[in-house]
Amino acid sequence: QVQLVESGGGLVQPGESLRLSCAASRSIFSIFPMGWYRQAPGKQRDLVATITPRGSTNYADSAKGRFTISRDNAKNTVYLQMNSLTAEDTAVYYCNAARMGVTYWGQGTQVTVSS
C-alpha cells in the first residue's frame, strides 16, 4: 500500500521559517516525481513545487526565492523548506506523487502564518 505521510506544519509568525517533510513508500519514491501542493480555505489546490527522481525542480511563482524542495533518497523523504513566510502562505499543504496517470496524496499538514 502506497503511503505519503506529511509532517512539520504548525503556527509561525510572519517572516519565520518551516520545513515540511513527506515520507513516501519505498515502492514509488525512486520512480515518481514528488511535489507539494497547498489549499487555502475556499480556494483550489495549487502547485507549490515539484522534484523529479533525478532532482530537477519546478516552483510556482509564489514559491520562487523563498521555498526549496529537496529529496533524501536514502530516507524516501521529500522536504519543503519555507522561508520568509507570510499570511498568504497559510494553507493545508499536501504531498503528492504523480506519474503516468497515477496520483497519490498525503493527508495534508496545516501551516498557519499569523502574528
N, C-alpha and C. Protein backbone atom coordinates (compact mmCIF):
# COMPACT_ATOMS: atom_id res chain seq x y z
N GLN A 1 0.85 -1.18 0.00
CA GLN A 1 0.00 0.00 0.00
C GLN A 1 0.89 1.24 0.00
N VAL A 2 0.59 2.15 -0.91
CA VAL A 2 1.37 3.37 -1.02
C VAL A 2 0.93 4.36 0.05
N GLN A 3 1.90 4.95 0.71
CA GLN A 3 1.59 5.95 1.73
C GLN A 3 2.48 7.18 1.54
N LEU A 4 1.87 8.33 1.74
CA LEU A 4 2.58 9.59 1.83
C LEU A 4 2.19 10.22 3.16
N VAL A 5 3.17 10.44 4.03
CA VAL A 5 2.88 10.94 5.36
C VAL A 5 3.62 12.25 5.58
N GLU A 6 2.84 13.34 5.68
CA GLU A 6 3.43 14.67 5.86
C GLU A 6 3.61 14.96 7.35
N SER A 7 4.55 15.83 7.62
CA SER A 7 4.76 16.34 8.97
C SER A 7 5.47 17.69 8.88
N GLY A 8 5.45 18.42 10.00
CA GLY A 8 6.21 19.65 10.06
C GLY A 8 5.40 20.93 10.01
N GLY A 9 4.10 20.81 9.83
CA GLY A 9 3.27 22.02 9.82
C GLY A 9 3.15 22.62 11.21
N GLY A 10 2.56 23.80 11.26
CA GLY A 10 2.37 24.44 12.55
C GLY A 10 2.02 25.90 12.41
N LEU A 11 2.09 26.59 13.53
CA LEU A 11 1.79 28.02 13.59
C LEU A 11 3.11 28.79 13.72
N VAL A 12 3.33 29.72 12.81
CA VAL A 12 4.53 30.56 12.87
C VAL A 12 4.13 32.00 12.63
N GLN A 13 5.03 32.88 12.97
CA GLN A 13 4.80 34.31 12.75
C GLN A 13 5.34 34.71 11.36
N PRO A 14 4.81 35.79 10.83
CA PRO A 14 5.33 36.28 9.54
C PRO A 14 6.84 36.47 9.57
N GLY A 15 7.49 36.04 8.50
CA GLY A 15 8.93 36.15 8.41
C GLY A 15 9.69 34.93 8.90
N GLU A 16 9.00 34.04 9.58
CA GLU A 16 9.66 32.85 10.08
C GLU A 16 9.71 31.74 9.04
N SER A 17 10.31 30.62 9.43
CA SER A 17 10.50 29.50 8.51
C SER A 17 9.88 28.23 9.05
N LEU A 18 9.61 27.31 8.15
CA LEU A 18 9.15 25.97 8.49
C LEU A 18 9.72 25.00 7.48
N ARG A 19 9.92 23.77 7.90
CA ARG A 19 10.30 22.72 6.97
C ARG A 19 9.28 21.59 7.05
N LEU A 20 8.66 21.31 5.94
CA LEU A 20 7.73 20.20 5.85
C LEU A 20 8.46 18.95 5.35
N SER A 21 8.01 17.81 5.83
CA SER A 21 8.56 16.54 5.40
C SER A 21 7.46 15.64 4.89
N CYS A 22 7.78 14.81 3.93
CA CYS A 22 6.83 13.82 3.41
C CYS A 22 7.57 12.51 3.24
N ALA A 23 7.22 11.55 4.05
CA ALA A 23 7.81 10.21 3.95
C ALA A 23 6.95 9.37 3.01
N ALA A 24 7.59 8.80 2.01
CA ALA A 24 6.86 8.05 0.99
C ALA A 24 7.22 6.58 1.03
N SER A 25 6.32 5.78 0.52
CA SER A 25 6.60 4.36 0.40
C SER A 25 7.76 4.15 -0.55
N ARG A 26 8.61 3.20 -0.18
CA ARG A 26 9.80 2.95 -0.99
C ARG A 26 9.44 2.55 -2.42
N SER A 27 8.29 1.94 -2.58
CA SER A 27 7.91 1.40 -3.89
C SER A 27 7.73 2.48 -4.94
N ILE A 28 7.44 3.70 -4.52
CA ILE A 28 7.20 4.75 -5.50
C ILE A 28 8.27 5.82 -5.50
N PHE A 29 8.98 5.96 -4.40
CA PHE A 29 9.83 7.14 -4.23
C PHE A 29 10.89 7.24 -5.32
N SER A 30 11.45 6.13 -5.72
CA SER A 30 12.57 6.18 -6.67
C SER A 30 12.13 6.43 -8.10
N ILE A 31 10.83 6.31 -8.40
CA ILE A 31 10.40 6.45 -9.79
C ILE A 31 9.35 7.54 -9.99
N PHE A 32 8.73 8.00 -8.93
CA PHE A 32 7.68 9.01 -9.07
C PHE A 32 8.24 10.40 -8.83
N PRO A 33 7.92 11.35 -9.70
CA PRO A 33 8.13 12.74 -9.33
C PRO A 33 7.29 13.06 -8.09
N MET A 34 7.84 13.88 -7.20
CA MET A 34 7.15 14.25 -5.97
C MET A 34 6.87 15.74 -5.97
N GLY A 35 5.83 16.11 -5.25
CA GLY A 35 5.50 17.53 -5.23
C GLY A 35 4.79 17.94 -3.95
N TRP A 36 4.73 19.24 -3.78
CA TRP A 36 3.95 19.85 -2.71
C TRP A 36 2.90 20.76 -3.33
N TYR A 37 1.69 20.63 -2.83
CA TYR A 37 0.58 21.49 -3.20
C TYR A 37 0.03 22.11 -1.93
N ARG A 38 -0.76 23.16 -2.11
CA ARG A 38 -1.40 23.75 -0.94
C ARG A 38 -2.80 24.22 -1.29
N GLN A 39 -3.64 24.23 -0.26
CA GLN A 39 -5.03 24.64 -0.45
C GLN A 39 -5.43 25.53 0.71
N ALA A 40 -5.71 26.77 0.39
CA ALA A 40 -6.19 27.71 1.39
C ALA A 40 -7.72 27.60 1.48
N PRO A 41 -8.31 28.02 2.59
CA PRO A 41 -9.77 27.93 2.74
C PRO A 41 -10.51 28.61 1.61
N GLY A 42 -11.44 27.89 1.00
CA GLY A 42 -12.25 28.45 -0.07
C GLY A 42 -11.55 28.57 -1.40
N LYS A 43 -10.35 28.03 -1.50
CA LYS A 43 -9.59 28.14 -2.76
C LYS A 43 -9.24 26.76 -3.29
N GLN A 44 -8.82 26.72 -4.54
CA GLN A 44 -8.44 25.45 -5.13
C GLN A 44 -7.06 25.04 -4.64
N ARG A 45 -6.76 23.77 -4.87
CA ARG A 45 -5.44 23.25 -4.50
C ARG A 45 -4.45 23.64 -5.60
N ASP A 46 -3.37 24.29 -5.20
CA ASP A 46 -2.40 24.81 -6.15
C ASP A 46 -1.03 24.17 -5.97
N LEU A 47 -0.32 24.06 -7.07
CA LEU A 47 1.04 23.56 -7.05
C LEU A 47 1.95 24.54 -6.31
N VAL A 48 2.85 23.99 -5.50
CA VAL A 48 3.88 24.80 -4.86
C VAL A 48 5.24 24.50 -5.50
N ALA A 49 5.59 23.22 -5.54
CA ALA A 49 6.88 22.83 -6.09
C ALA A 49 6.88 21.34 -6.40
N THR A 50 7.71 20.95 -7.36
CA THR A 50 7.87 19.55 -7.68
C THR A 50 9.36 19.22 -7.82
N ILE A 51 9.66 17.92 -7.69
CA ILE A 51 11.03 17.46 -7.86
C ILE A 51 10.98 16.07 -8.49
N THR A 52 11.80 15.87 -9.52
CA THR A 52 11.84 14.58 -10.19
C THR A 52 12.74 13.62 -9.43
N PRO A 53 12.69 12.34 -9.80
CA PRO A 53 13.60 11.38 -9.14
C PRO A 53 15.08 11.76 -9.30
N ARG A 54 15.40 12.47 -10.35
CA ARG A 54 16.80 12.87 -10.55
C ARG A 54 17.12 14.21 -9.93
N GLY A 55 16.11 14.86 -9.33
CA GLY A 55 16.38 16.09 -8.61
C GLY A 55 16.08 17.38 -9.33
N SER A 56 15.50 17.31 -10.52
CA SER A 56 15.10 18.54 -11.20
C SER A 56 13.88 19.13 -10.50
N THR A 57 13.90 20.44 -10.32
CA THR A 57 12.85 21.10 -9.55
C THR A 57 12.07 22.10 -10.38
N ASN A 58 10.86 22.37 -9.89
CA ASN A 58 9.98 23.36 -10.52
C ASN A 58 9.20 24.03 -9.41
N TYR A 59 9.02 25.35 -9.53
CA TYR A 59 8.36 26.11 -8.47
C TYR A 59 7.25 26.99 -9.03
N ALA A 60 6.21 27.14 -8.24
CA ALA A 60 5.22 28.16 -8.54
C ALA A 60 5.87 29.53 -8.32
N ASP A 61 5.36 30.53 -9.02
CA ASP A 61 5.93 31.87 -8.87
C ASP A 61 5.92 32.33 -7.42
N SER A 62 4.87 31.96 -6.69
CA SER A 62 4.75 32.39 -5.30
C SER A 62 5.81 31.77 -4.40
N ALA A 63 6.41 30.68 -4.85
CA ALA A 63 7.40 29.97 -4.05
C ALA A 63 8.84 30.30 -4.44
N LYS A 64 9.04 30.80 -5.61
CA LYS A 64 10.39 31.06 -6.09
C LYS A 64 11.13 32.04 -5.19
N GLY A 65 12.34 31.67 -4.82
CA GLY A 65 13.16 32.53 -3.99
C GLY A 65 12.92 32.38 -2.50
N ARG A 66 11.83 31.74 -2.11
CA ARG A 66 11.54 31.58 -0.68
C ARG A 66 11.47 30.12 -0.25
N PHE A 67 11.00 29.26 -1.15
CA PHE A 67 10.82 27.85 -0.80
C PHE A 67 11.84 27.01 -1.56
N THR A 68 12.24 25.91 -0.93
CA THR A 68 13.15 24.97 -1.58
C THR A 68 12.64 23.55 -1.37
N ILE A 69 12.47 22.84 -2.47
CA ILE A 69 12.07 21.43 -2.40
C ILE A 69 13.32 20.58 -2.57
N SER A 70 13.40 19.52 -1.80
CA SER A 70 14.55 18.62 -1.88
C SER A 70 14.11 17.21 -1.54
N ARG A 71 14.98 16.26 -1.81
CA ARG A 71 14.64 14.88 -1.50
C ARG A 71 15.85 14.15 -0.95
N ASP A 72 15.59 13.24 -0.04
CA ASP A 72 16.61 12.37 0.52
C ASP A 72 16.25 10.96 0.10
N ASN A 73 16.95 10.46 -0.89
CA ASN A 73 16.60 9.16 -1.44
C ASN A 73 16.84 8.03 -0.44
N ALA A 74 17.79 8.21 0.45
CA ALA A 74 18.07 7.17 1.45
C ALA A 74 16.93 7.04 2.45
N LYS A 75 16.20 8.15 2.64
CA LYS A 75 15.11 8.14 3.62
C LYS A 75 13.73 8.12 2.97
N ASN A 76 13.70 8.07 1.63
CA ASN A 76 12.41 8.10 0.91
C ASN A 76 11.57 9.30 1.36
N THR A 77 12.21 10.43 1.51
CA THR A 77 11.55 11.60 2.05
C THR A 77 11.79 12.83 1.17
N VAL A 78 10.75 13.60 0.98
CA VAL A 78 10.87 14.87 0.28
C VAL A 78 10.56 15.98 1.26
N TYR A 79 11.27 17.08 1.12
CA TYR A 79 11.16 18.20 2.04
C TYR A 79 10.72 19.46 1.31
N LEU A 80 10.10 20.35 2.06
CA LEU A 80 9.82 21.69 1.56
C LEU A 80 10.28 22.68 2.63
N GLN A 81 11.37 23.34 2.36
CA GLN A 81 11.86 24.39 3.26
C GLN A 81 11.20 25.69 2.86
N MET A 82 10.51 26.31 3.80
CA MET A 82 9.77 27.53 3.52
C MET A 82 10.33 28.66 4.38
N ASN A 83 10.81 29.68 3.74
CA ASN A 83 11.38 30.84 4.43
C ASN A 83 10.53 32.08 4.15
N SER A 84 10.73 33.07 4.99
CA SER A 84 10.04 34.36 4.82
C SER A 84 8.54 34.18 4.63
N LEU A 85 7.97 33.40 5.50
CA LEU A 85 6.54 33.09 5.37
C LEU A 85 5.67 34.32 5.62
N THR A 86 4.58 34.38 4.90
CA THR A 86 3.60 35.44 5.06
C THR A 86 2.22 34.84 5.30
N ALA A 87 1.28 35.68 5.66
CA ALA A 87 -0.08 35.20 5.92
C ALA A 87 -0.67 34.53 4.69
N GLU A 88 -0.24 34.94 3.51
CA GLU A 88 -0.75 34.36 2.27
C GLU A 88 -0.29 32.91 2.07
N ASP A 89 0.68 32.48 2.85
CA ASP A 89 1.14 31.09 2.77
C ASP A 89 0.31 30.16 3.65
N THR A 90 -0.61 30.71 4.41
CA THR A 90 -1.47 29.89 5.25
C THR A 90 -2.33 28.97 4.40
N ALA A 91 -2.23 27.67 4.67
CA ALA A 91 -2.96 26.68 3.87
C ALA A 91 -2.69 25.29 4.44
N VAL A 92 -3.44 24.34 3.94
CA VAL A 92 -3.09 22.94 4.16
C VAL A 92 -2.15 22.53 3.04
N TYR A 93 -1.02 21.98 3.39
CA TYR A 93 -0.01 21.58 2.42
C TYR A 93 -0.07 20.06 2.24
N TYR A 94 -0.12 19.66 0.98
CA TYR A 94 -0.27 18.25 0.64
C TYR A 94 0.95 17.76 -0.14
N CYS A 95 1.40 16.59 0.21
CA CYS A 95 2.43 15.91 -0.55
C CYS A 95 1.77 15.12 -1.68
N ASN A 96 2.44 15.07 -2.81
CA ASN A 96 1.87 14.44 -3.99
C ASN A 96 2.93 13.63 -4.70
N ALA A 97 2.50 12.49 -5.24
CA ALA A 97 3.33 11.69 -6.13
C ALA A 97 2.50 11.37 -7.36
N ALA A 98 3.00 11.69 -8.53
CA ALA A 98 2.20 11.51 -9.74
C ALA A 98 3.08 11.05 -10.89
N ARG A 99 2.56 10.05 -11.62
CA ARG A 99 3.32 9.52 -12.76
C ARG A 99 2.39 8.72 -13.64
N MET A 100 2.36 9.04 -14.88
CA MET A 100 1.64 8.26 -15.90
C MET A 100 0.19 8.00 -15.49
N GLY A 101 -0.49 9.05 -15.05
CA GLY A 101 -1.91 8.93 -14.73
C GLY A 101 -2.21 8.38 -13.36
N VAL A 102 -1.18 8.04 -12.60
CA VAL A 102 -1.37 7.53 -11.25
C VAL A 102 -0.96 8.62 -10.27
N THR A 103 -1.84 8.94 -9.34
CA THR A 103 -1.59 10.03 -8.40
C THR A 103 -1.88 9.58 -6.97
N TYR A 104 -0.98 9.95 -6.09
CA TYR A 104 -1.17 9.69 -4.67
C TYR A 104 -1.07 11.01 -3.91
N TRP A 105 -1.85 11.11 -2.84
CA TRP A 105 -1.86 12.30 -1.99
C TRP A 105 -1.64 11.91 -0.53
N GLY A 106 -0.98 12.77 0.18
CA GLY A 106 -0.90 12.63 1.62
C GLY A 106 -2.14 13.22 2.26
N GLN A 107 -2.18 13.15 3.59
CA GLN A 107 -3.36 13.61 4.31
C GLN A 107 -3.37 15.11 4.54
N GLY A 108 -2.23 15.74 4.32
CA GLY A 108 -2.13 17.19 4.47
C GLY A 108 -1.62 17.59 5.84
N THR A 109 -0.95 18.73 5.87
CA THR A 109 -0.47 19.30 7.13
C THR A 109 -0.75 20.80 7.11
N GLN A 110 -1.29 21.29 8.20
CA GLN A 110 -1.70 22.70 8.27
C GLN A 110 -0.52 23.61 8.56
N VAL A 111 -0.41 24.65 7.77
CA VAL A 111 0.57 25.71 8.01
C VAL A 111 -0.21 27.00 8.22
N THR A 112 -0.01 27.63 9.35
CA THR A 112 -0.68 28.88 9.66
C THR A 112 0.37 29.93 9.98
N VAL A 113 0.29 31.04 9.26
CA VAL A 113 1.22 32.14 9.46
C VAL A 113 0.42 33.32 10.00
N SER A 114 0.69 33.65 11.24
CA SER A 114 -0.10 34.70 11.88
C SER A 114 0.69 35.31 13.02
N SER A 115 0.48 36.59 13.21
CA SER A 115 1.12 37.28 14.34
C SER A 115 0.20 37.29 15.54
